[in-house]
C-alpha cells in the first residue's frame, strides 16, 4: 500500500508539470500571435506608403512618356529647368515672399 501512495504522489507531480508546461505553451502561442499581428499591421502601413509613392512615380512617368512621344523636348526641358533647377527666362521676373519663415 505504501508503494501505491508514492506512485500517486509522483503522478500528481507529473500532472502538475504537464499543466504548467501547457500553460506556458499557450501563453507563448498567444504572445506569438500578437507579435505576428502587430508586424502584419506595420507592414500593411508600409505597403500603403510605398504604393502611394509608386502611384506618384507612375503619374510622373506617364507625363514624361507623353512628352517623349510628342517629340517636343523643349517643353520638358523648360519644365525641368524651371521646376527642378530654379532657372528663369531672361525677361521673366520672379517675386518671392520672404516675410514668412
PDB file of N, CA and C in Angstrom:
ATOM      1  N   UNK A   1       0.796  -1.176   0.000  1.00  0.00           N
ATOM      2  CA  UNK A   1       0.000   0.000   0.000  1.00  0.00           C
ATOM      3  C   UNK A   1       0.859   1.269   0.000  1.00  0.00           C
ATOM      4  N   UNK A   2       2.000   1.195   0.620  1.00  0.00           N
ATOM      5  CA  UNK A   2       2.887   2.347   0.669  1.00  0.00           C
ATOM      6  C   UNK A   2       3.402   2.693  -0.727  1.00  0.00           C
ATOM      7  N   UNK A   3       3.649   1.674  -1.530  1.00  0.00           N
ATOM      8  CA  UNK A   3       4.100   1.915  -2.898  1.00  0.00           C
ATOM      9  C   UNK A   3       3.028   2.616  -3.715  1.00  0.00           C
ATOM     10  N   UNK A   4       1.791   2.238  -3.519  1.00  0.00           N
ATOM     11  CA  UNK A   4       0.698   2.836  -4.275  1.00  0.00           C
ATOM     12  C   UNK A   4       0.572   4.332  -3.967  1.00  0.00           C
ATOM     13  N   UNK A   5       0.752   4.715  -2.736  1.00  0.00           N
ATOM     14  CA  UNK A   5       0.676   6.121  -2.347  1.00  0.00           C
ATOM     15  C   UNK A   5       1.797   6.918  -2.982  1.00  0.00           C
ATOM     16  N   UNK A   6       2.982   6.351  -3.058  1.00  0.00           N
ATOM     17  CA  UNK A   6       4.110   7.047  -3.670  1.00  0.00           C
ATOM     18  C   UNK A   6       3.878   7.270  -5.163  1.00  0.00           C
ATOM     19  N   UNK A   7       3.353   6.284  -5.842  1.00  0.00           N
ATOM     20  CA  UNK A   7       3.144   6.440  -7.279  1.00  0.00           C
ATOM     21  C   UNK A   7       2.055   7.468  -7.559  1.00  0.00           C
ATOM     22  N   UNK A   8       1.059   7.533  -6.686  1.00  0.00           N
ATOM     23  CA  UNK A   8       0.025   8.544  -6.890  1.00  0.00           C
ATOM     24  C   UNK A   8       0.603   9.942  -6.698  1.00  0.00           C
ATOM     25  N   UNK A   9       1.457  10.093  -5.696  1.00  0.00           N
ATOM     26  CA  UNK A   9       2.096  11.392  -5.495  1.00  0.00           C
ATOM     27  C   UNK A   9       2.959  11.763  -6.689  1.00  0.00           C
ATOM     28  N   UNK A  10       3.702  10.804  -7.157  1.00  0.00           N
ATOM     29  CA  UNK A  10       4.555  11.054  -8.298  1.00  0.00           C
ATOM     30  C   UNK A  10       3.702  11.413  -9.517  1.00  0.00           C
ATOM     31  N   UNK A  11       2.585  10.738  -9.673  1.00  0.00           N
ATOM     32  CA  UNK A  11       1.682  11.032 -10.769  1.00  0.00           C
ATOM     33  C   UNK A  11       1.095  12.426 -10.652  1.00  0.00           C
ATOM     34  N   UNK A  12       0.741  12.846  -9.461  1.00  0.00           N
ATOM     35  CA  UNK A  12       0.219  14.199  -9.269  1.00  0.00           C
ATOM     36  C   UNK A  12       1.275  15.241  -9.611  1.00  0.00           C
ATOM     37  N   UNK A  13       2.515  14.958  -9.214  1.00  0.00           N
ATOM     38  CA  UNK A  13       3.596  15.891  -9.509  1.00  0.00           C
ATOM     39  C   UNK A  13       3.795  16.005 -11.017  1.00  0.00           C
ATOM     40  N   UNK A  14       3.755  14.900 -11.704  1.00  0.00           N
ATOM     41  CA  UNK A  14       3.905  14.908 -13.162  1.00  0.00           C
ATOM     42  C   UNK A  14       2.732  15.624 -13.824  1.00  0.00           C
ATOM     43  N   UNK A  15       1.534  15.440 -13.312  1.00  0.00           N
ATOM     44  CA  UNK A  15       0.380  16.139 -13.874  1.00  0.00           C
ATOM     45  C   UNK A  15       0.527  17.649 -13.705  1.00  0.00           C
ATOM     46  N   UNK A  16       1.062  18.069 -12.569  1.00  0.00           N
ATOM     47  CA  UNK A  16       1.287  19.488 -12.329  1.00  0.00           C
ATOM     48  C   UNK A  16       2.274  20.062 -13.348  1.00  0.00           C
ATOM     49  N   UNK A  17       3.343  19.320 -13.610  1.00  0.00           N
ATOM     50  CA  UNK A  17       4.324  19.784 -14.596  1.00  0.00           C
ATOM     51  C   UNK A  17       3.723  19.853 -15.999  1.00  0.00           C
ATOM     52  N   UNK A  18       2.891  18.875 -16.343  1.00  0.00           N
ATOM     53  CA  UNK A  18       2.253  18.882 -17.655  1.00  0.00           C
ATOM     54  C   UNK A  18       1.322  20.082 -17.778  1.00  0.00           C
ATOM     55  N   UNK A  19       0.550  20.361 -16.740  1.00  0.00           N
ATOM     56  CA  UNK A  19      -0.355  21.518 -16.759  1.00  0.00           C
ATOM     57  C   UNK A  19       0.433  22.819 -16.851  1.00  0.00           C
ATOM     58  N   UNK A  20       1.514  22.896 -16.084  1.00  0.00           N
ATOM     59  CA  UNK A  20       2.352  24.096 -16.110  1.00  0.00           C
ATOM     60  C   UNK A  20       2.967  24.296 -17.496  1.00  0.00           C
ATOM     61  N   UNK A  21       3.453  23.217 -18.097  1.00  0.00           N
ATOM     62  CA  UNK A  21       4.027  23.308 -19.436  1.00  0.00           C
ATOM     63  C   UNK A  21       2.959  23.722 -20.445  1.00  0.00           C
ATOM     64  N   UNK A  22       1.747  23.193 -20.301  1.00  0.00           N
ATOM     65  CA  UNK A  22       0.663  23.559 -21.208  1.00  0.00           C
ATOM     66  C   UNK A  22       0.327  25.041 -21.087  1.00  0.00           C
ATOM     67  N   UNK A  23       0.317  25.563 -19.874  1.00  0.00           N
ATOM     68  CA  UNK A  23       0.050  26.989 -19.666  1.00  0.00           C
ATOM     69  C   UNK A  23       1.129  27.838 -20.347  1.00  0.00           C
ATOM     70  N   UNK A  24       2.391  27.429 -20.195  1.00  0.00           N
ATOM     71  CA  UNK A  24       3.477  28.178 -20.819  1.00  0.00           C
ATOM     72  C   UNK A  24       3.392  28.103 -22.353  1.00  0.00           C
ATOM     73  N   UNK A  25       3.033  26.952 -22.885  1.00  0.00           N
ATOM     74  CA  UNK A  25       2.909  26.809 -24.335  1.00  0.00           C
ATOM     75  C   UNK A  25       1.773  27.688 -24.848  1.00  0.00           C
ATOM     76  N   UNK A  26       0.652  27.686 -24.162  1.00  0.00           N
ATOM     77  CA  UNK A  26      -0.482  28.510 -24.580  1.00  0.00           C
ATOM     78  C   UNK A  26      -0.127  29.996 -24.490  1.00  0.00           C
ATOM     79  N   UNK A  27       0.532  30.398 -23.416  1.00  0.00           N
ATOM     80  CA  UNK A  27       0.943  31.797 -23.269  1.00  0.00           C
ATOM     81  C   UNK A  27       1.926  32.192 -24.373  1.00  0.00           C
ATOM     82  N   UNK A  28       2.850  31.294 -24.686  1.00  0.00           N
ATOM     83  CA  UNK A  28       3.802  31.566 -25.768  1.00  0.00           C
ATOM     84  C   UNK A  28       3.110  31.708 -27.109  1.00  0.00           C
ATOM     85  N   UNK A  29       2.124  30.855 -27.370  1.00  0.00           N
ATOM     86  CA  UNK A  29       1.382  30.935 -28.626  1.00  0.00           C
ATOM     87  C   UNK A  29       0.601  32.242 -28.721  1.00  0.00           C
ATOM     88  N   UNK A  30       0.001  32.656 -27.616  1.00  0.00           N
ATOM     89  CA  UNK A  30      -0.745  33.916 -27.614  1.00  0.00           C
ATOM     90  C   UNK A  30       0.188  35.091 -27.882  1.00  0.00           C
ATOM     91  N   UNK A  31       1.350  35.084 -27.247  1.00  0.00           N
ATOM     92  CA  UNK A  31       2.322  36.158 -27.478  1.00  0.00           C
ATOM     93  C   UNK A  31       2.807  36.151 -28.926  1.00  0.00           C
ATOM     94  N   UNK A  32       3.005  34.973 -29.484  1.00  0.00           N
ATOM     95  CA  UNK A  32       3.460  34.861 -30.865  1.00  0.00           C
ATOM     96  C   UNK A  32       2.409  35.388 -31.839  1.00  0.00           C
ATOM     97  N   UNK A  33       1.159  35.046 -31.612  1.00  0.00           N
ATOM     98  CA  UNK A  33       0.080  35.533 -32.473  1.00  0.00           C
ATOM     99  C   UNK A  33      -0.019  37.056 -32.387  1.00  0.00           C
ATOM    100  N   UNK A  34       0.078  37.609 -31.182  1.00  0.00           N
ATOM    101  CA  UNK A  34       0.022  39.065 -31.003  1.00  0.00           C
ATOM    102  C   UNK A  34       1.170  39.743 -31.751  1.00  0.00           C
ATOM    103  N   UNK A  35       2.373  39.200 -31.641  1.00  0.00           N
ATOM    104  CA  UNK A  35       3.536  39.786 -32.301  1.00  0.00           C
ATOM    105  C   UNK A  35       3.389  39.728 -33.820  1.00  0.00           C
ATOM    106  N   UNK A  36       2.905  38.615 -34.329  1.00  0.00           N
ATOM    107  CA  UNK A  36       2.734  38.475 -35.773  1.00  0.00           C
ATOM    108  C   UNK A  36       1.681  39.457 -36.280  1.00  0.00           C
ATOM    109  N   UNK A  37       0.581  39.611 -35.550  1.00  0.00           N
ATOM    110  CA  UNK A  37      -0.465  40.561 -35.960  1.00  0.00           C
ATOM    111  C   UNK A  37       0.071  41.992 -35.964  1.00  0.00           C
ATOM    112  N   UNK A  38       0.863  42.326 -34.965  1.00  0.00           N
ATOM    113  CA  UNK A  38       1.445  43.663 -34.886  1.00  0.00           C
ATOM    114  C   UNK A  38       2.378  43.910 -36.075  1.00  0.00           C
ATOM    115  N   UNK A  39       3.214  42.929 -36.393  1.00  0.00           N
ATOM    116  CA  UNK A  39       4.121  43.064 -37.532  1.00  0.00           C
ATOM    117  C   UNK A  39       3.351  43.181 -38.846  1.00  0.00           C
ATOM    118  N   UNK A  40       2.282  42.409 -38.976  1.00  0.00           N
ATOM    119  CA  UNK A  40       1.468  42.464 -40.200  1.00  0.00           C
ATOM    120  C   UNK A  40       0.845  43.842 -40.391  1.00  0.00           C
ATOM    121  N   UNK A  41       0.320  44.413 -39.316  1.00  0.00           N
ATOM    122  CA  UNK A  41      -0.296  45.734 -39.446  1.00  0.00           C
ATOM    123  C   UNK A  41       0.749  46.794 -39.783  1.00  0.00           C
ATOM    124  N   UNK A  42       1.948  46.658 -39.224  1.00  0.00           N
ATOM    125  CA  UNK A  42       3.022  47.601 -39.543  1.00  0.00           C
ATOM    126  C   UNK A  42       3.435  47.471 -41.011  1.00  0.00           C
ATOM    127  N   UNK A  43       3.541  46.260 -41.492  1.00  0.00           N
ATOM    128  CA  UNK A  43       3.918  46.036 -42.885  1.00  0.00           C
ATOM    129  C   UNK A  43       2.821  46.521 -43.835  1.00  0.00           C
ATOM    130  N   UNK A  44       1.565  46.394 -43.441  1.00  0.00           N
ATOM    131  CA  UNK A  44       0.473  46.912 -44.277  1.00  0.00           C
ATOM    132  C   UNK A  44       0.536  48.432 -44.379  1.00  0.00           C
ATOM    133  N   UNK A  45       0.875  49.104 -43.261  1.00  0.00           N
ATOM    134  CA  UNK A  45       1.038  50.560 -43.314  1.00  0.00           C
ATOM    135  C   UNK A  45       2.185  50.940 -44.234  1.00  0.00           C
ATOM    136  N   UNK A  46       3.300  50.214 -44.139  1.00  0.00           N
ATOM    137  CA  UNK A  46       4.432  50.484 -45.017  1.00  0.00           C
ATOM    138  C   UNK A  46       4.050  50.250 -46.478  1.00  0.00           C
ATOM    139  N   UNK A  47       3.256  49.224 -46.722  1.00  0.00           N
ATOM    140  CA  UNK A  47       2.825  48.918 -48.077  1.00  0.00           C
ATOM    141  C   UNK A  47       1.976  50.042 -48.654  1.00  0.00           C
ATOM    142  N   UNK A  48       1.087  50.625 -47.864  1.00  0.00           N
ATOM    143  CA  UNK A  48       0.257  51.720 -48.378  1.00  0.00           C
ATOM    144  C   UNK A  48       1.106  52.944 -48.698  1.00  0.00           C
ATOM    145  N   UNK A  49       2.123  53.213 -47.876  1.00  0.00           N
ATOM    146  CA  UNK A  49       3.012  54.349 -48.156  1.00  0.00           C
ATOM    147  C   UNK A  49       3.787  54.104 -49.446  1.00  0.00           C
ATOM    148  N   UNK A  50       4.309  52.906 -49.589  1.00  0.00           N
ATOM    149  CA  UNK A  50       5.078  52.580 -50.790  1.00  0.00           C
ATOM    150  C   UNK A  50       4.176  52.589 -52.017  1.00  0.00           C
ATOM    151  N   UNK A  51       2.956  52.090 -51.875  1.00  0.00           N
ATOM    152  CA  UNK A  51       2.020  52.100 -53.003  1.00  0.00           C
ATOM    153  C   UNK A  51       1.696  53.530 -53.436  1.00  0.00           C
ATOM    154  N   UNK A  52       1.590  54.438 -52.480  1.00  0.00           N
ATOM    155  CA  UNK A  52       1.370  55.847 -52.809  1.00  0.00           C
ATOM    156  C   UNK A  52       2.534  56.431 -53.593  1.00  0.00           C
ATOM    157  N   UNK A  53       3.760  56.075 -53.187  1.00  0.00           N
ATOM    158  CA  UNK A  53       4.940  56.535 -53.917  1.00  0.00           C
ATOM    159  C   UNK A  53       4.961  55.961 -55.329  1.00  0.00           C
ATOM    160  N   UNK A  54       4.605  54.690 -55.442  1.00  0.00           N
ATOM    161  CA  UNK A  54       4.574  54.051 -56.762  1.00  0.00           C
ATOM    162  C   UNK A  54       3.572  54.754 -57.661  1.00  0.00           C
ATOM    163  N   UNK A  55       2.398  55.072 -57.123  1.00  0.00           N
ATOM    164  CA  UNK A  55       1.368  55.751 -57.918  1.00  0.00           C
ATOM    165  C   UNK A  55       1.853  57.116 -58.402  1.00  0.00           C
ATOM    166  N   UNK A  56       2.535  57.865 -57.523  1.00  0.00           N
ATOM    167  CA  UNK A  56       3.019  59.184 -57.942  1.00  0.00           C
ATOM    168  C   UNK A  56       4.112  59.053 -59.004  1.00  0.00           C
ATOM    169  N   UNK A  57       4.972  58.046 -58.868  1.00  0.00           N
ATOM    170  CA  UNK A  57       6.001  57.835 -59.887  1.00  0.00           C
ATOM    171  C   UNK A  57       5.390  57.401 -61.211  1.00  0.00           C
ATOM    172  N   UNK A  58       4.326  56.604 -61.161  1.00  0.00           N
ATOM    173  CA  UNK A  58       3.677  56.189 -62.400  1.00  0.00           C
ATOM    174  C   UNK A  58       3.038  57.377 -63.116  1.00  0.00           C
ATOM    175  N   UNK A  59       2.449  58.299 -62.364  1.00  0.00           N
ATOM    176  CA  UNK A  59       1.877  59.501 -62.971  1.00  0.00           C
ATOM    177  C   UNK A  59       2.981  60.349 -63.594  1.00  0.00           C
ATOM    178  N   UNK A  60       4.083  60.498 -62.874  1.00  0.00           N
ATOM    179  CA  UNK A  60       5.204  61.280 -63.398  1.00  0.00           C
ATOM    180  C   UNK A  60       5.792  60.620 -64.652  1.00  0.00           C
ATOM    181  N   UNK A  61       5.927  59.291 -64.607  1.00  0.00           N
ATOM    182  CA  UNK A  61       6.449  58.579 -65.777  1.00  0.00           C
ATOM    183  C   UNK A  61       5.514  58.698 -66.973  1.00  0.00           C
ATOM    184  N   UNK A  62       4.212  58.637 -66.742  1.00  0.00           N
ATOM    185  CA  UNK A  62       3.245  58.784 -67.840  1.00  0.00           C
ATOM    186  C   UNK A  62       3.352  60.167 -68.457  1.00  0.00           C
ATOM    187  N   UNK A  63       3.552  61.184 -67.624  1.00  0.00           N
ATOM    188  CA  UNK A  63       3.702  62.552 -68.133  1.00  0.00           C
ATOM    189  C   UNK A  63       4.968  62.676 -68.973  1.00  0.00           C
ATOM    190  N   UNK A  64       6.059  62.125 -68.487  1.00  0.00           N
ATOM    191  CA  UNK A  64       7.323  62.182 -69.228  1.00  0.00           C
ATOM    192  C   UNK A  64       7.205  61.382 -70.526  1.00  0.00           C
ATOM    193  N   UNK A  65       6.543  60.218 -70.460  1.00  0.00           N
ATOM    194  CA  UNK A  65       6.370  59.415 -71.668  1.00  0.00           C
ATOM    195  C   UNK A  65       5.524  60.151 -72.702  1.00  0.00           C
ATOM    196  N   UNK A  66       4.514  60.879 -72.245  1.00  0.00           N
ATOM    197  CA  UNK A  66       3.683  61.663 -73.162  1.00  0.00           C
ATOM    198  C   UNK A  66       4.518  62.725 -73.857  1.00  0.00           C
ATOM    199  N   UNK A  67       5.404  63.377 -73.109  1.00  0.00           N
ATOM    200  CA  UNK A  67       6.262  64.407 -73.696  1.00  0.00           C
ATOM    201  C   UNK A  67       7.242  63.780 -74.686  1.00  0.00           C
ATOM    202  N   UNK A  68       7.802  62.623 -74.334  1.00  0.00           N
ATOM    203  CA  UNK A  68       8.741  61.957 -75.241  1.00  0.00           C
ATOM    204  C   UNK A  68       8.054  61.484 -76.514  1.00  0.00           C
ATOM    205  N   UNK A  69       6.825  61.023 -76.391  1.00  0.00           N
ATOM    206  CA  UNK A  69       6.093  60.565 -77.576  1.00  0.00           C
ATOM    207  C   UNK A  69       5.709  61.718 -78.500  1.00  0.00           C
ATOM    208  N   UNK A  70       5.555  62.910 -77.955  1.00  0.00           N
ATOM    209  CA  UNK A  70       5.168  64.049 -78.792  1.00  0.00           C
ATOM    210  C   UNK A  70       6.358  64.666 -79.524  1.00  0.00           C
ATOM    211  N   UNK A  71       7.550  64.203 -79.258  1.00  0.00           N
ATOM    212  CA  UNK A  71       8.776  64.702 -79.893  1.00  0.00           C
ATOM    213  C   UNK A  71       8.993  66.190 -79.657  1.00  0.00           C
ATOM    214  N   UNK A  72       8.453  66.731 -78.593  1.00  0.00           N
ATOM    215  CA  UNK A  72       8.636  68.136 -78.249  1.00  0.00           C
ATOM    216  C   UNK A  72       9.430  68.198 -76.940  1.00  0.00           C
ATOM    217  N   UNK A  73      10.728  68.119 -77.060  1.00  0.00           N
ATOM    218  CA  UNK A  73      11.596  68.097 -75.875  1.00  0.00           C
ATOM    219  C   UNK A  73      11.735  69.478 -75.247  1.00  0.00           C
ATOM    220  N   UNK A  74      11.447  70.532 -75.988  1.00  0.00           N
ATOM    221  CA  UNK A  74      11.625  71.877 -75.432  1.00  0.00           C
ATOM    222  C   UNK A  74      10.682  72.110 -74.253  1.00  0.00           C
ATOM    223  N   UNK A  75       9.468  71.570 -74.311  1.00  0.00           N
ATOM    224  CA  UNK A  75       8.530  71.710 -73.194  1.00  0.00           C
ATOM    225  C   UNK A  75       9.066  71.013 -71.950  1.00  0.00           C
ATOM    226  N   UNK A  76       9.590  69.820 -72.136  1.00  0.00           N
ATOM    227  CA  UNK A  76      10.132  69.065 -70.998  1.00  0.00           C
ATOM    228  C   UNK A  76      11.366  69.759 -70.426  1.00  0.00           C
ATOM    229  N   UNK A  77      12.254  70.224 -71.291  1.00  0.00           N
ATOM    230  CA  UNK A  77      13.479  70.899 -70.833  1.00  0.00           C
ATOM    231  C   UNK A  77      13.128  72.171 -70.075  1.00  0.00           C
ATOM    232  N   UNK A  78      12.148  72.925 -70.580  1.00  0.00           N
ATOM    233  CA  UNK A  78      11.740  74.156 -69.897  1.00  0.00           C
ATOM    234  C   UNK A  78      11.130  73.843 -68.538  1.00  0.00           C
ATOM    235  N   UNK A  79      10.327  72.797 -68.464  1.00  0.00           N
ATOM    236  CA  UNK A  79       9.696  72.435 -67.187  1.00  0.00           C
ATOM    237  C   UNK A  79      10.741  72.007 -66.161  1.00  0.00           C
ATOM    238  N   UNK A  80      11.694  71.197 -66.581  1.00  0.00           N
ATOM    239  CA  UNK A  80      12.750  70.753 -65.668  1.00  0.00           C
ATOM    240  C   UNK A  80      13.594  71.935 -65.218  1.00  0.00           C
ATOM    241  N   UNK A  81      13.913  72.825 -66.125  1.00  0.00           N
ATOM    242  CA  UNK A  81      14.745  73.983 -65.784  1.00  0.00           C
ATOM    243  C   UNK A  81      14.044  74.872 -64.769  1.00  0.00           C
ATOM    244  N   UNK A  82      12.754  75.080 -64.935  1.00  0.00           N
ATOM    245  CA  UNK A  82      12.025  75.978 -64.033  1.00  0.00           C
ATOM    246  C   UNK A  82      11.726  75.295 -62.701  1.00  0.00           C
ATOM    247  N   UNK A  83      11.188  74.077 -62.727  1.00  0.00           N
ATOM    248  CA  UNK A  83      10.729  73.428 -61.505  1.00  0.00           C
ATOM    249  C   UNK A  83      11.864  72.844 -60.673  1.00  0.00           C
ATOM    250  N   UNK A  84      12.809  72.168 -61.315  1.00  0.00           N
ATOM    251  CA  UNK A  84      13.822  71.451 -60.551  1.00  0.00           C
ATOM    252  C   UNK A  84      15.109  72.245 -60.359  1.00  0.00           C
ATOM    253  N   UNK A  85      15.441  73.084 -61.286  1.00  0.00           N
ATOM    254  CA  UNK A  85      16.705  73.830 -61.198  1.00  0.00           C
ATOM    255  C   UNK A  85      16.509  75.278 -60.745  1.00  0.00           C
ATOM    256  N   UNK A  86      15.304  75.781 -60.825  1.00  0.00           N
ATOM    257  CA  UNK A  86      15.049  77.141 -60.397  1.00  0.00           C
ATOM    258  C   UNK A  86      15.436  78.197 -61.411  1.00  0.00           C
ATOM    259  N   UNK A  87      15.693  77.799 -62.647  1.00  0.00           N
ATOM    260  CA  UNK A  87      16.049  78.754 -63.688  1.00  0.00           C
ATOM    261  C   UNK A  87      14.832  79.575 -64.095  1.00  0.00           C
ATOM    262  N   UNK A  88      15.105  80.702 -64.729  1.00  0.00           N
ATOM    263  CA  UNK A  88      14.028  81.563 -65.218  1.00  0.00           C
ATOM    264  C   UNK A  88      14.416  82.079 -66.604  1.00  0.00           C
ATOM    265  N   UNK A  89      13.411  82.523 -67.328  1.00  0.00           N
ATOM    266  CA  UNK A  89      13.672  83.131 -68.630  1.00  0.00           C
ATOM    267  C   UNK A  89      14.341  84.483 -68.414  1.00  0.00           C
ATOM    268  N   UNK A  90      15.040  84.977 -69.428  1.00  0.00           N
ATOM    269  CA  UNK A  90      15.780  86.229 -69.276  1.00  0.00           C
ATOM    270  C   UNK A  90      14.848  87.410 -69.029  1.00  0.00           C
ATOM    271  N   UNK A  91      13.651  87.405 -69.588  1.00  0.00           N
ATOM    272  CA  UNK A  91      12.733  88.525 -69.392  1.00  0.00           C
ATOM    273  C   UNK A  91      11.708  88.249 -68.288  1.00  0.00           C
ATOM    274  N   UNK A  92      11.891  87.189 -67.548  1.00  0.00           N
ATOM    275  CA  UNK A  92      10.935  86.802 -66.513  1.00  0.00           C
ATOM    276  C   UNK A  92      11.347  87.382 -65.158  1.00  0.00           C
ATOM    277  N   UNK A  93      10.366  87.893 -64.440  1.00  0.00           N
ATOM    278  CA  UNK A  93      10.624  88.401 -63.096  1.00  0.00           C
ATOM    279  C   UNK A  93       9.934  87.489 -62.095  1.00  0.00           C
ATOM    280  N   UNK A  94      10.666  87.151 -61.058  1.00  0.00           N
ATOM    281  CA  UNK A  94      10.098  86.292 -60.022  1.00  0.00           C
ATOM    282  C   UNK A  94      10.101  87.047 -58.706  1.00  0.00           C
ATOM    283  N   UNK A  95       9.022  86.873 -57.992  1.00  0.00           N
ATOM    284  CA  UNK A  95       8.890  87.507 -56.694  1.00  0.00           C
ATOM    285  C   UNK A  95       8.706  86.411 -55.654  1.00  0.00           C
ATOM    286  N   UNK A  96       9.461  86.512 -54.591  1.00  0.00           N
ATOM    287  CA  UNK A  96       9.401  85.519 -53.526  1.00  0.00           C
ATOM    288  C   UNK A  96       8.961  86.189 -52.237  1.00  0.00           C
ATOM    289  N   UNK A  97       8.125  85.522 -51.508  1.00  0.00           N
ATOM    290  CA  UNK A  97       7.656  86.005 -50.218  1.00  0.00           C
ATOM    291  C   UNK A  97       8.671  85.611 -49.145  1.00  0.00           C
ATOM    292  N   UNK A  98       9.434  86.604 -48.677  1.00  0.00           N
ATOM    293  CA  UNK A  98      10.461  86.324 -47.670  1.00  0.00           C
ATOM    294  C   UNK A  98      10.010  86.696 -46.263  1.00  0.00           C
ATOM    295  N   UNK A  99       8.754  87.140 -46.127  1.00  0.00           N
ATOM    296  CA  UNK A  99       8.288  87.588 -44.830  1.00  0.00           C
ATOM    297  C   UNK A  99       7.949  86.397 -43.905  1.00  0.00           C
ATOM    298  N   UNK A 100       7.671  85.238 -44.455  1.00  0.00           N
ATOM    299  CA  UNK A 100       7.361  84.096 -43.602  1.00  0.00           C
ATOM    300  C   UNK A 100       8.556  83.174 -43.501  1.00  0.00           C
ATOM    301  N   UNK A 101       8.644  82.540 -42.382  1.00  0.00           N
ATOM    302  CA  UNK A 101       9.810  81.662 -42.141  1.00  0.00           C
ATOM    303  C   UNK A 101       9.412  80.230 -42.210  1.00  0.00           C
TER     304      UNK A 101
END
